[in-house]
PDB file of all heavy atoms in Angstrom:
ATOM      1  N   ASP A   1      -4.995  -4.376   4.264  1.00  0.00           N
ATOM      2  CA  ASP A   1      -6.250  -3.504   4.227  1.00  0.00           C
ATOM      3  C   ASP A   1      -6.689  -3.156   5.690  1.00  0.00           C
ATOM      4  O   ASP A   1      -7.070  -4.146   6.322  1.00  0.00           O
ATOM      5  CB  ASP A   1      -7.372  -4.268   3.442  1.00  0.00           C
ATOM      6  CG  ASP A   1      -8.536  -3.372   3.121  1.00  0.00           C
ATOM      7  OD1 ASP A   1      -8.351  -2.182   3.289  1.00  0.00           O
ATOM      8  OD2 ASP A   1      -9.563  -3.844   2.709  1.00  0.00           O
ATOM      9  N   ASP A   2      -6.600  -1.941   5.998  1.00  0.00           N
ATOM     10  CA  ASP A   2      -7.087  -1.580   7.316  1.00  0.00           C
ATOM     11  C   ASP A   2      -7.229   0.081   7.213  1.00  0.00           C
ATOM     12  O   ASP A   2      -7.249   0.559   6.117  1.00  0.00           O
ATOM     13  CB  ASP A   2      -6.246  -1.985   8.407  1.00  0.00           C
ATOM     14  CG  ASP A   2      -7.078  -2.205   9.797  1.00  0.00           C
ATOM     15  OD1 ASP A   2      -7.619  -1.184  10.188  1.00  0.00           O
ATOM     16  OD2 ASP A   2      -7.150  -3.368  10.171  1.00  0.00           O
ATOM     17  N   LEU A   3      -7.171   0.643   8.373  1.00  0.00           N
ATOM     18  CA  LEU A   3      -7.258   2.171   8.387  1.00  0.00           C
ATOM     19  C   LEU A   3      -5.849   2.883   8.523  1.00  0.00           C
ATOM     20  O   LEU A   3      -5.849   3.940   8.052  1.00  0.00           O
ATOM     21  CB  LEU A   3      -8.293   2.605   9.410  1.00  0.00           C
ATOM     22  CG  LEU A   3      -9.781   2.088   9.172  1.00  0.00           C
ATOM     23  CD1 LEU A   3     -10.529   2.534  10.229  1.00  0.00           C
ATOM     24  CD2 LEU A   3     -10.191   2.659   7.745  1.00  0.00           C
ATOM     25  N   ASP A   4      -5.120   2.420   9.337  1.00  0.00           N
ATOM     26  CA  ASP A   4      -3.814   3.059   9.682  1.00  0.00           C
ATOM     27  C   ASP A   4      -2.712   2.581   8.651  1.00  0.00           C
ATOM     28  O   ASP A   4      -2.283   1.459   8.564  1.00  0.00           O
ATOM     29  CB  ASP A   4      -3.370   2.643  11.111  1.00  0.00           C
ATOM     30  CG  ASP A   4      -4.380   3.273  12.034  1.00  0.00           C
ATOM     31  OD1 ASP A   4      -5.022   4.240  11.852  1.00  0.00           O
ATOM     32  OD2 ASP A   4      -4.455   2.672  13.221  1.00  0.00           O
ATOM     33  N   VAL A   5      -2.162   3.561   7.995  1.00  0.00           N
ATOM     34  CA  VAL A   5      -1.093   3.292   6.966  1.00  0.00           C
ATOM     35  C   VAL A   5       0.272   3.035   7.744  1.00  0.00           C
ATOM     36  O   VAL A   5       0.741   3.865   8.477  1.00  0.00           O
ATOM     37  CB  VAL A   5      -0.951   4.462   5.933  1.00  0.00           C
ATOM     38  CG1 VAL A   5       0.141   4.108   5.031  1.00  0.00           C
ATOM     39  CG2 VAL A   5      -2.149   4.662   5.196  1.00  0.00           C
ATOM     40  N   GLN A   6       0.925   2.004   7.473  1.00  0.00           N
ATOM     41  CA  GLN A   6       2.228   1.625   8.059  1.00  0.00           C
ATOM     42  C   GLN A   6       3.446   2.119   7.193  1.00  0.00           C
ATOM     43  O   GLN A   6       4.401   2.562   7.645  1.00  0.00           O
ATOM     44  CB  GLN A   6       2.328   0.114   8.371  1.00  0.00           C
ATOM     45  CG  GLN A   6       3.390  -0.222   9.178  1.00  0.00           C
ATOM     46  CD  GLN A   6       3.536  -1.750   9.205  1.00  0.00           C
ATOM     47  OE1 GLN A   6       3.601  -2.442   8.309  1.00  0.00           O
ATOM     48  NE2 GLN A   6       3.785  -2.207  10.553  1.00  0.00           N
ATOM     49  N   GLY A   7       3.250   1.862   5.907  1.00  0.00           N
ATOM     50  CA  GLY A   7       4.330   2.194   5.020  1.00  0.00           C
ATOM     51  C   GLY A   7       4.063   1.671   3.619  1.00  0.00           C
ATOM     52  O   GLY A   7       2.862   1.624   3.253  1.00  0.00           O
ATOM     53  N   LEU A   8       5.171   1.625   2.811  1.00  0.00           N
ATOM     54  CA  LEU A   8       5.035   1.205   1.405  1.00  0.00           C
ATOM     55  C   LEU A   8       5.796  -0.081   1.209  1.00  0.00           C
ATOM     56  O   LEU A   8       6.828  -0.283   1.776  1.00  0.00           O
ATOM     57  CB  LEU A   8       5.483   2.367   0.483  1.00  0.00           C
ATOM     58  CG  LEU A   8       4.854   3.667   0.563  1.00  0.00           C
ATOM     59  CD1 LEU A   8       5.451   4.781  -0.172  1.00  0.00           C
ATOM     60  CD2 LEU A   8       3.353   3.499   0.261  1.00  0.00           C
ATOM     61  N   ARG A   9       5.346  -0.757   0.151  1.00  0.00           N
ATOM     62  CA  ARG A   9       6.102  -1.989  -0.317  1.00  0.00           C
ATOM     63  C   ARG A   9       5.911  -2.034  -1.741  1.00  0.00           C
ATOM     64  O   ARG A   9       5.131  -1.473  -2.389  1.00  0.00           O
ATOM     65  CB  ARG A   9       5.651  -3.292   0.399  1.00  0.00           C
ATOM     66  CG  ARG A   9       4.226  -3.667   0.120  1.00  0.00           C
ATOM     67  CD  ARG A   9       3.961  -5.043   0.645  1.00  0.00           C
ATOM     68  NE  ARG A   9       2.509  -5.306   0.513  1.00  0.00           N
ATOM     69  CZ  ARG A   9       1.912  -5.789  -0.643  1.00  0.00           C
ATOM     70  NH1 ARG A   9       2.712  -5.961  -1.684  1.00  0.00           N
ATOM     71  NH2 ARG A   9       0.678  -6.087  -0.675  1.00  0.00           N
ATOM     72  N   GLU A  10       6.756  -2.914  -2.406  1.00  0.00           N
ATOM     73  CA  GLU A  10       6.758  -3.078  -3.886  1.00  0.00           C
ATOM     74  C   GLU A  10       5.488  -3.903  -4.197  1.00  0.00           C
ATOM     75  O   GLU A  10       4.954  -4.722  -3.452  1.00  0.00           O
ATOM     76  CB  GLU A  10       7.912  -3.941  -4.299  1.00  0.00           C
ATOM     77  CG  GLU A  10       9.130  -3.082  -4.258  1.00  0.00           C
ATOM     78  CD  GLU A  10      10.255  -3.826  -4.956  1.00  0.00           C
ATOM     79  OE1 GLU A  10      10.112  -4.815  -5.735  1.00  0.00           O
ATOM     80  OE2 GLU A  10      11.561  -3.424  -4.798  1.00  0.00           O
ATOM     81  N   TYR A  11       5.043  -3.478  -5.351  1.00  0.00           N
ATOM     82  CA  TYR A  11       3.842  -4.147  -5.861  1.00  0.00           C
ATOM     83  C   TYR A  11       4.055  -5.582  -6.232  1.00  0.00           C
ATOM     84  O   TYR A  11       5.065  -5.887  -6.771  1.00  0.00           O
ATOM     85  CB  TYR A  11       3.360  -3.371  -7.167  1.00  0.00           C
ATOM     86  CG  TYR A  11       2.094  -4.029  -7.882  1.00  0.00           C
ATOM     87  CD1 TYR A  11       0.801  -3.755  -7.524  1.00  0.00           C
ATOM     88  CD2 TYR A  11       2.414  -4.894  -8.948  1.00  0.00           C
ATOM     89  CE1 TYR A  11      -0.167  -4.335  -8.167  1.00  0.00           C
ATOM     90  CE2 TYR A  11       1.376  -5.446  -9.706  1.00  0.00           C
ATOM     91  CZ  TYR A  11       0.046  -5.265  -9.286  1.00  0.00           C
ATOM     92  OH  TYR A  11      -0.946  -5.808  -9.898  1.00  0.00           O
ATOM     93  N   VAL A  12       3.124  -6.406  -5.914  1.00  0.00           N
ATOM     94  CA  VAL A  12       3.169  -7.854  -6.413  1.00  0.00           C
ATOM     95  C   VAL A  12       1.806  -8.134  -7.129  1.00  0.00           C
ATOM     96  O   VAL A  12       0.787  -7.469  -6.895  1.00  0.00           O
ATOM     97  CB  VAL A  12       3.315  -8.839  -5.215  1.00  0.00           C
ATOM     98  CG1 VAL A  12       4.546  -8.582  -4.579  1.00  0.00           C
ATOM     99  CG2 VAL A  12       2.062  -8.614  -4.258  1.00  0.00           C
ATOM    100  N   PRO A  13       1.858  -8.951  -8.163  1.00  0.00           N
ATOM    101  CA  PRO A  13       0.662  -9.361  -8.874  1.00  0.00           C
ATOM    102  C   PRO A  13      -0.495  -9.819  -8.020  1.00  0.00           C
ATOM    103  O   PRO A  13      -0.311 -10.566  -7.122  1.00  0.00           O
ATOM    104  CB  PRO A  13       1.139 -10.488  -9.774  1.00  0.00           C
ATOM    105  CG  PRO A  13       2.554 -10.331  -9.969  1.00  0.00           C
ATOM    106  CD  PRO A  13       2.998  -9.736  -8.604  1.00  0.00           C
ATOM    107  N   GLY A  14      -1.668  -9.137  -8.272  1.00  0.00           N
ATOM    108  CA  GLY A  14      -2.828  -9.391  -7.344  1.00  0.00           C
ATOM    109  C   GLY A  14      -3.088  -8.389  -6.551  1.00  0.00           C
ATOM    110  O   GLY A  14      -4.290  -8.315  -5.962  1.00  0.00           O
ATOM    111  N   ASP A  15      -2.216  -7.495  -6.167  1.00  0.00           N
ATOM    112  CA  ASP A  15      -2.464  -6.227  -5.419  1.00  0.00           C
ATOM    113  C   ASP A  15      -3.639  -5.374  -5.950  1.00  0.00           C
ATOM    114  O   ASP A  15      -3.524  -5.239  -7.228  1.00  0.00           O
ATOM    115  CB  ASP A  15      -1.305  -5.478  -5.182  1.00  0.00           C
ATOM    116  CG  ASP A  15      -0.366  -6.097  -4.069  1.00  0.00           C
ATOM    117  OD1 ASP A  15      -0.794  -6.991  -3.453  1.00  0.00           O
ATOM    118  OD2 ASP A  15       0.901  -5.726  -3.987  1.00  0.00           O
ATOM    119  N   ASP A  16      -4.368  -4.734  -5.121  1.00  0.00           N
ATOM    120  CA  ASP A  16      -5.449  -3.971  -5.487  1.00  0.00           C
ATOM    121  C   ASP A  16      -4.786  -2.541  -6.056  1.00  0.00           C
ATOM    122  O   ASP A  16      -3.993  -1.998  -5.331  1.00  0.00           O
ATOM    123  CB  ASP A  16      -6.425  -3.543  -4.313  1.00  0.00           C
ATOM    124  CG  ASP A  16      -7.723  -2.779  -4.712  1.00  0.00           C
ATOM    125  OD1 ASP A  16      -7.662  -2.263  -5.994  1.00  0.00           O
ATOM    126  OD2 ASP A  16      -8.447  -2.764  -4.019  1.00  0.00           O
ATOM    127  N   LEU A  17      -5.063  -2.232  -7.226  1.00  0.00           N
ATOM    128  CA  LEU A  17      -4.465  -1.022  -7.789  1.00  0.00           C
ATOM    129  C   LEU A  17      -4.863   0.283  -7.197  1.00  0.00           C
ATOM    130  O   LEU A  17      -4.285   1.254  -7.303  1.00  0.00           O
ATOM    131  CB  LEU A  17      -4.879  -0.938  -9.357  1.00  0.00           C
ATOM    132  CG  LEU A  17      -4.210  -1.968 -10.255  1.00  0.00           C
ATOM    133  CD1 LEU A  17      -4.749  -1.796 -11.636  1.00  0.00           C
ATOM    134  CD2 LEU A  17      -2.632  -1.973 -10.263  1.00  0.00           C
ATOM    135  N   ARG A  18      -5.996   0.221  -6.450  1.00  0.00           N
ATOM    136  CA  ARG A  18      -6.409   1.391  -5.680  1.00  0.00           C
ATOM    137  C   ARG A  18      -5.500   1.723  -4.585  1.00  0.00           C
ATOM    138  O   ARG A  18      -5.462   2.828  -4.007  1.00  0.00           O
ATOM    139  CB  ARG A  18      -7.794   1.243  -5.187  1.00  0.00           C
ATOM    140  CG  ARG A  18      -8.918   1.180  -6.246  1.00  0.00           C
ATOM    141  CD  ARG A  18     -10.233   0.826  -5.642  1.00  0.00           C
ATOM    142  NE  ARG A  18     -10.345  -0.524  -5.049  1.00  0.00           N
ATOM    143  CZ  ARG A  18     -11.326  -1.143  -4.527  1.00  0.00           C
ATOM    144  NH1 ARG A  18     -12.509  -0.287  -4.323  1.00  0.00           N
ATOM    145  NH2 ARG A  18     -11.260  -2.290  -3.956  1.00  0.00           N
ATOM    146  N   ARG A  19      -4.628   0.854  -4.135  1.00  0.00           N
ATOM    147  CA  ARG A  19      -3.621   0.990  -3.044  1.00  0.00           C
ATOM    148  C   ARG A  19      -2.297   1.437  -3.620  1.00  0.00           C
ATOM    149  O   ARG A  19      -1.286   1.573  -2.812  1.00  0.00           O
ATOM    150  CB  ARG A  19      -3.541  -0.208  -2.174  1.00  0.00           C
ATOM    151  CG  ARG A  19      -4.774  -0.530  -1.540  1.00  0.00           C
ATOM    152  CD  ARG A  19      -4.618  -1.680  -0.401  1.00  0.00           C
ATOM    153  NE  ARG A  19      -4.242  -2.949  -1.019  1.00  0.00           N
ATOM    154  CZ  ARG A  19      -3.042  -3.567  -0.933  1.00  0.00           C
ATOM    155  NH1 ARG A  19      -2.118  -2.911  -0.356  1.00  0.00           N
ATOM    156  NH2 ARG A  19      -2.901  -4.678  -1.489  1.00  0.00           N
ATOM    157  N   VAL A  20      -2.169   1.664  -4.943  1.00  0.00           N
ATOM    158  CA  VAL A  20      -0.834   2.003  -5.481  1.00  0.00           C
ATOM    159  C   VAL A  20      -0.607   3.531  -5.087  1.00  0.00           C
ATOM    160  O   VAL A  20      -1.435   4.301  -5.174  1.00  0.00           O
ATOM    161  CB  VAL A  20      -0.818   1.943  -6.966  1.00  0.00           C
ATOM    162  CG1 VAL A  20       0.406   2.525  -7.590  1.00  0.00           C
ATOM    163  CG2 VAL A  20      -0.963   0.334  -7.375  1.00  0.00           C
ATOM    164  N   HIS A  21       0.669   3.761  -4.545  1.00  0.00           N
ATOM    165  CA  HIS A  21       1.053   5.168  -4.230  1.00  0.00           C
ATOM    166  C   HIS A  21       1.724   5.693  -5.516  1.00  0.00           C
ATOM    167  O   HIS A  21       2.935   5.505  -5.686  1.00  0.00           O
ATOM    168  CB  HIS A  21       2.000   5.016  -3.089  1.00  0.00           C
ATOM    169  CG  HIS A  21       2.184   6.477  -2.403  1.00  0.00           C
ATOM    170  ND1 HIS A  21       2.918   7.523  -2.975  1.00  0.00           N
ATOM    171  CD2 HIS A  21       1.728   6.932  -1.261  1.00  0.00           C
ATOM    172  CE1 HIS A  21       2.923   8.461  -2.199  1.00  0.00           C
ATOM    173  NE2 HIS A  21       2.193   8.291  -1.087  1.00  0.00           N
ATOM    174  N   TRP A  22       0.882   6.402  -6.283  1.00  0.00           N
ATOM    175  CA  TRP A  22       1.518   6.832  -7.631  1.00  0.00           C
ATOM    176  C   TRP A  22       2.631   7.835  -7.521  1.00  0.00           C
ATOM    177  O   TRP A  22       3.592   7.738  -8.381  1.00  0.00           O
ATOM    178  CB  TRP A  22       0.278   7.375  -8.478  1.00  0.00           C
ATOM    179  CG  TRP A  22      -0.745   6.221  -8.779  1.00  0.00           C
ATOM    180  CD1 TRP A  22      -1.938   6.174  -8.202  1.00  0.00           C
ATOM    181  CD2 TRP A  22      -0.552   5.167  -9.661  1.00  0.00           C
ATOM    182  NE1 TRP A  22      -2.545   5.113  -8.731  1.00  0.00           N
ATOM    183  CE2 TRP A  22      -1.832   4.448  -9.463  1.00  0.00           C
ATOM    184  CE3 TRP A  22       0.366   4.734 -10.524  1.00  0.00           C
ATOM    185  CZ2 TRP A  22      -1.969   3.311 -10.354  1.00  0.00           C
ATOM    186  CZ3 TRP A  22       0.142   3.571 -11.158  1.00  0.00           C
ATOM    187  CH2 TRP A  22      -0.943   2.953 -11.138  1.00  0.00           C
ATOM    188  N   LEU A  23       2.603   8.722  -6.541  1.00  0.00           N
ATOM    189  CA  LEU A  23       3.615   9.771  -6.408  1.00  0.00           C
ATOM    190  C   LEU A  23       4.931   9.074  -6.154  1.00  0.00           C
ATOM    191  O   LEU A  23       6.035   9.356  -6.706  1.00  0.00           O
ATOM    192  CB  LEU A  23       3.329  10.742  -5.384  1.00  0.00           C
ATOM    193  CG  LEU A  23       4.217  11.797  -5.100  1.00  0.00           C
ATOM    194  CD1 LEU A  23       4.482  12.617  -6.376  1.00  0.00           C
ATOM    195  CD2 LEU A  23       3.749  12.751  -3.983  1.00  0.00           C
ATOM    196  N   ASN A  24       4.944   8.211  -5.191  1.00  0.00           N
ATOM    197  CA  ASN A  24       6.289   7.565  -4.755  1.00  0.00           C
ATOM    198  C   ASN A  24       6.721   6.664  -5.778  1.00  0.00           C
ATOM    199  O   ASN A  24       7.939   6.504  -6.002  1.00  0.00           O
ATOM    200  CB  ASN A  24       6.028   6.775  -3.519  1.00  0.00           C
ATOM    201  CG  ASN A  24       7.337   6.106  -2.893  1.00  0.00           C
ATOM    202  OD1 ASN A  24       7.777   5.150  -3.306  1.00  0.00           O
ATOM    203  ND2 ASN A  24       7.916   6.888  -1.967  1.00  0.00           N
ATOM    204  N   SER A  25       5.771   5.983  -6.567  1.00  0.00           N
ATOM    205  CA  SER A  25       6.225   5.051  -7.643  1.00  0.00           C
ATOM    206  C   SER A  25       6.788   5.852  -8.746  1.00  0.00           C
ATOM    207  O   SER A  25       7.795   5.269  -9.370  1.00  0.00           O
ATOM    208  CB  SER A  25       4.841   4.377  -8.232  1.00  0.00           C
ATOM    209  OG  SER A  25       4.242   3.568  -7.169  1.00  0.00           O
ATOM    210  N   SER A  26       6.375   7.080  -9.067  1.00  0.00           N
ATOM    211  CA  SER A  26       6.960   7.929 -10.144  1.00  0.00           C
ATOM    212  C   SER A  26       8.404   8.423  -9.692  1.00  0.00           C
ATOM    213  O   SER A  26       9.279   8.536 -10.585  1.00  0.00           O
ATOM    214  CB  SER A  26       6.126   9.028 -10.438  1.00  0.00           C
ATOM    215  OG  SER A  26       6.011   9.870  -9.255  1.00  0.00           O
ATOM    216  N   LYS A  27       8.608   8.514  -8.389  1.00  0.00           N
ATOM    217  CA  LYS A  27       9.943   9.030  -8.022  1.00  0.00           C
ATOM    218  C   LYS A  27      10.983   7.835  -8.003  1.00  0.00           C
ATOM    219  O   LYS A  27      12.151   8.059  -8.316  1.00  0.00           O
ATOM    220  CB  LYS A  27       9.803   9.585  -6.647  1.00  0.00           C
ATOM    221  CG  LYS A  27       9.126  10.874  -6.450  1.00  0.00           C
ATOM    222  CD  LYS A  27       9.029  11.395  -5.075  1.00  0.00           C
ATOM    223  CE  LYS A  27       8.287  12.757  -4.924  1.00  0.00           C
ATOM    224  NZ  LYS A  27       8.191  13.268  -3.540  1.00  0.00           N
ATOM    225  N   THR A  28      10.515   6.701  -7.560  1.00  0.00           N
ATOM    226  CA  THR A  28      11.405   5.627  -7.477  1.00  0.00           C
ATOM    227  C   THR A  28      11.536   4.779  -8.719  1.00  0.00           C
ATOM    228  O   THR A  28      12.578   4.046  -8.929  1.00  0.00           O
ATOM    229  CB  THR A  28      11.015   4.552  -6.316  1.00  0.00           C
ATOM    230  OG1 THR A  28       9.701   4.032  -6.633  1.00  0.00           O
ATOM    231  CG2 THR A  28      10.963   5.353  -4.950  1.00  0.00           C
ATOM    232  N   GLY A  29      10.557   4.867  -9.571  1.00  0.00           N
ATOM    233  CA  GLY A  29      10.487   4.053 -10.860  1.00  0.00           C
ATOM    234  C   GLY A  29      10.077   2.671 -10.634  1.00  0.00           C
ATOM    235  O   GLY A  29      10.096   1.861 -11.586  1.00  0.00           O
ATOM    236  N   THR A  30       9.595   2.406  -9.441  1.00  0.00           N
ATOM    237  CA  THR A  30       9.105   0.986  -8.986  1.00  0.00           C
ATOM    238  C   THR A  30       7.680   1.199  -8.487  1.00  0.00           C
ATOM    239  O   THR A  30       7.439   2.081  -7.695  1.00  0.00           O
ATOM    240  CB  THR A  30       9.978   0.331  -7.955  1.00  0.00           C
ATOM    241  OG1 THR A  30      11.300   0.205  -8.443  1.00  0.00           O
ATOM    242  CG2 THR A  30       9.433  -1.073  -7.687  1.00  0.00           C
ATOM    243  N   LEU A  31       6.845   0.368  -8.914  1.00  0.00           N
ATOM    244  CA  LEU A  31       5.404   0.531  -8.517  1.00  0.00           C
ATOM    245  C   LEU A  31       5.390   0.034  -7.055  1.00  0.00           C
ATOM    246  O   LEU A  31       5.776  -0.983  -6.582  1.00  0.00           O
ATOM    247  CB  LEU A  31       4.550  -0.572  -9.291  1.00  0.00           C
ATOM    248  CG  LEU A  31       3.111  -0.295  -9.440  1.00  0.00           C
ATOM    249  CD1 LEU A  31       2.867   1.095 -10.016  1.00  0.00           C
ATOM    250  CD2 LEU A  31       2.354  -1.218 -10.344  1.00  0.00           C
ATOM    251  N   MET A  32       4.834   0.965  -6.173  1.00  0.00           N
ATOM    252  CA  MET A  32       4.656   0.816  -4.787  1.00  0.00           C
ATOM    253  C   MET A  32       3.247   0.776  -4.370  1.00  0.00           C
ATOM    254  O   MET A  32       2.374   1.764  -4.766  1.00  0.00           O
ATOM    255  CB  MET A  32       5.475   1.864  -3.968  1.00  0.00           C
ATOM    256  CG  MET A  32       7.011   2.035  -4.418  1.00  0.00           C
ATOM    257  SD  MET A  32       7.995   0.499  -3.989  1.00  0.00           S
ATOM    258  CE  MET A  32       7.957   0.734  -2.163  1.00  0.00           C
ATOM    259  N   VAL A  33       2.952   0.036  -3.375  1.00  0.00           N
ATOM    260  CA  VAL A  33       1.560   0.037  -2.783  1.00  0.00           C
ATOM    261  C   VAL A  33       1.695   0.331  -1.308  1.00  0.00           C
ATOM    262  O   VAL A  33       2.672   0.072  -0.633  1.00  0.00           O
ATOM    263  CB  VAL A  33       0.925  -1.325  -3.012  1.00  0.00           C
ATOM    264  CG1 VAL A  33       0.727  -1.629  -4.431  1.00  0.00           C
ATOM    265  CG2 VAL A  33       1.600  -2.492  -2.352  1.00  0.00           C
ATOM    266  N   ARG A  34       0.548   0.870  -0.767  1.00  0.00           N
ATOM    267  CA  ARG A  34       0.405   1.300   0.632  1.00  0.00           C
ATOM    268  C   ARG A  34       0.316  -0.110   1.442  1.00  0.00           C
ATOM    269  O   ARG A  34      -0.539  -0.961   0.979  1.00  0.00           O
ATOM    270  CB  ARG A  34      -0.734   2.108   0.896  1.00  0.00           C
ATOM    271  CG  ARG A  34      -0.533   3.543   0.219  1.00  0.00           C
ATOM    272  CD  ARG A  34      -1.955   4.316   0.588  1.00  0.00           C
ATOM    273  NE  ARG A  34      -1.806   5.620  -0.162  1.00  0.00           N
ATOM    274  CZ  ARG A  34      -2.304   5.788  -1.453  1.00  0.00           C
ATOM    275  NH1 ARG A  34      -2.759   4.834  -2.074  1.00  0.00           N
ATOM    276  NH2 ARG A  34      -2.224   7.011  -1.869  1.00  0.00           N
ATOM    277  N   GLN A  35       0.951  -0.136   2.516  1.00  0.00           N
ATOM    278  CA  GLN A  35       0.648  -1.214   3.509  1.00  0.00           C
ATOM    279  C   GLN A  35       0.198  -0.638   4.894  1.00  0.00           C
ATOM    280  O   GLN A  35       0.698   0.373   5.237  1.00  0.00           O
ATOM    281  CB  GLN A  35       2.051  -1.908   3.741  1.00  0.00           C
ATOM    282  CG  GLN A  35       1.924  -3.233   4.575  1.00  0.00           C
ATOM    283  CD  GLN A  35       3.112  -4.073   4.570  1.00  0.00           C
ATOM    284  OE1 GLN A  35       3.290  -5.091   3.730  1.00  0.00           O
ATOM    285  NE2 GLN A  35       4.123  -3.763   5.388  1.00  0.00           N
ATOM    286  N   TYR A  36      -0.729  -1.396   5.314  1.00  0.00           N
ATOM    287  CA  TYR A  36      -1.381  -0.850   6.551  1.00  0.00           C
ATOM    288  C   TYR A  36      -1.113  -1.605   7.782  1.00  0.00           C
ATOM    289  O   TYR A  36      -0.564  -2.821   7.779  1.00  0.00           O
ATOM    290  CB  TYR A  36      -3.006  -0.954   6.311  1.00  0.00           C
ATOM    291  CG  TYR A  36      -3.444  -0.137   5.108  1.00  0.00           C
ATOM    292  CD1 TYR A  36      -3.534  -0.734   3.892  1.00  0.00           C
ATOM    293  CD2 TYR A  36      -3.775   1.114   5.201  1.00  0.00           C
ATOM    294  CE1 TYR A  36      -3.950  -0.032   2.802  1.00  0.00           C
ATOM    295  CE2 TYR A  36      -4.230   1.883   4.252  1.00  0.00           C
ATOM    296  CZ  TYR A  36      -4.315   1.400   2.928  1.00  0.00           C
ATOM    297  OH  TYR A  36      -4.747   2.006   1.792  1.00  0.00           O
ATOM    298  N   GLU A  37      -1.342  -1.008   8.936  1.00  0.00           N
ATOM    299  CA  GLU A  37      -1.024  -1.704  10.171  1.00  0.00           C
ATOM    300  C   GLU A  37      -2.458  -2.123  10.840  1.00  0.00           C
ATOM    301  O   GLU A  37      -3.400  -1.322  10.905  1.00  0.00           O
ATOM    302  CB  GLU A  37      -0.440  -0.755  11.233  1.00  0.00           C
ATOM    303  CG  GLU A  37       0.002  -1.415  12.516  1.00  0.00           C
ATOM    304  CD  GLU A  37       0.802  -0.528  13.392  1.00  0.00           C
ATOM    305  OE1 GLU A  37       0.904   0.698  13.056  1.00  0.00           O
ATOM    306  OE2 GLU A  37       1.409  -1.072  14.357  1.00  0.00           O
ATOM    307  N   ALA A  38      -2.542  -3.387  11.139  1.00  0.00           N
ATOM    308  CA  ALA A  38      -3.825  -3.881  11.537  1.00  0.00           C
ATOM    309  C   ALA A  38      -4.137  -3.273  12.904  1.00  0.00           C
ATOM    310  O   ALA A  38      -3.348  -2.874  13.764  1.00  0.00           O
ATOM    311  CB  ALA A  38      -3.744  -5.497  11.930  1.00  0.00           C
ATOM    312  N   THR A  39      -5.478  -2.990  13.127  1.00  0.00           N
ATOM    313  CA  THR A  39      -5.976  -2.461  14.382  1.00  0.00           C
ATOM    314  C   THR A  39      -6.750  -3.580  15.107  1.00  0.00           C
ATOM    315  O   THR A  39      -7.019  -4.523  14.583  1.00  0.00           O
ATOM    316  CB  THR A  39      -6.863  -1.339  14.118  1.00  0.00           C
ATOM    317  OG1 THR A  39      -7.984  -1.736  13.428  1.00  0.00           O
ATOM    318  CG2 THR A  39      -6.075  -0.248  13.316  1.00  0.00           C
ATOM    319  N   HIS A  40      -7.074  -3.314  16.410  1.00  0.00           N
ATOM    320  CA  HIS A  40      -7.825  -4.161  17.202  1.00  0.00           C
ATOM    321  C   HIS A  40      -9.332  -4.115  16.878  1.00  0.00           C
ATOM    322  O   HIS A  40     -10.024  -4.912  17.418  1.00  0.00           O
ATOM    323  CB  HIS A  40      -7.624  -3.799  18.632  1.00  0.00           C
ATOM    324  CG  HIS A  40      -6.313  -4.386  19.244  1.00  0.00           C
ATOM    325  ND1 HIS A  40      -5.840  -5.686  19.221  1.00  0.00           N
ATOM    326  CD2 HIS A  40      -5.117  -3.670  19.619  1.00  0.00           C
ATOM    327  CE1 HIS A  40      -4.601  -5.806  19.599  1.00  0.00           C
ATOM    328  NE2 HIS A  40      -4.214  -4.554  19.922  1.00  0.00           N
ATOM    329  N   ARG A  41      -9.765  -3.174  16.070  1.00  0.00           N
ATOM    330  CA  ARG A  41     -11.184  -3.173  15.746  1.00  0.00           C
ATOM    331  C   ARG A  41     -11.562  -4.465  15.110  1.00  0.00           C
ATOM    332  O   ARG A  41     -10.987  -4.958  14.180  1.00  0.00           O
ATOM    333  CB  ARG A  41     -11.519  -1.997  14.982  1.00  0.00           C
ATOM    334  CG  ARG A  41     -11.498  -0.684  15.617  1.00  0.00           C
ATOM    335  CD  ARG A  41     -11.771   0.461  14.728  1.00  0.00           C
ATOM    336  NE  ARG A  41     -10.725   0.672  13.697  1.00  0.00           N
ATOM    337  CZ  ARG A  41     -10.643   1.725  12.921  1.00  0.00           C
ATOM    338  NH1 ARG A  41     -11.511   2.639  13.106  1.00  0.00           N
ATOM    339  NH2 ARG A  41      -9.718   1.820  12.026  1.00  0.00           N
ATOM    340  N   THR A  42     -12.726  -4.970  15.447  1.00  0.00           N
ATOM    341  CA  THR A  42     -13.117  -6.325  15.034  1.00  0.00           C
ATOM    342  C   THR A  42     -14.395  -6.201  14.239  1.00  0.00           C
ATOM    343  O   THR A  42     -15.481  -5.687  14.632  1.00  0.00           O
ATOM    344  CB  THR A  42     -13.425  -7.132  16.173  1.00  0.00           C
ATOM    345  OG1 THR A  42     -12.409  -7.282  17.016  1.00  0.00           O
ATOM    346  CG2 THR A  42     -13.875  -8.717  15.690  1.00  0.00           C
ATOM    347  N   ASP A  43     -14.275  -6.584  12.979  1.00  0.00           N
ATOM    348  CA  ASP A  43     -15.496  -6.733  12.013  1.00  0.00           C
ATOM    349  C   ASP A  43     -15.885  -8.114  12.217  1.00  0.00           C
ATOM    350  O   ASP A  43     -15.269  -9.057  11.866  1.00  0.00           O
ATOM    351  CB  ASP A  43     -15.147  -6.507  10.581  1.00  0.00           C
ATOM    352  CG  ASP A  43     -14.846  -4.972  10.386  1.00  0.00           C
ATOM    353  OD1 ASP A  43     -15.396  -4.181  11.027  1.00  0.00           O
ATOM    354  OD2 ASP A  43     -13.907  -4.615   9.517  1.00  0.00           O
TER     355      ASP A  43
END
């Protein structure tokens, strides 16, 4: 979870469904979720 998208990975139980990349999932037949790259911004 961050702001800069790094890529996609396969869905694992517990992942937030809001991060599912539905277009890519429909093409590959595998549920894929977005993976982000951490930034130096500090909350």
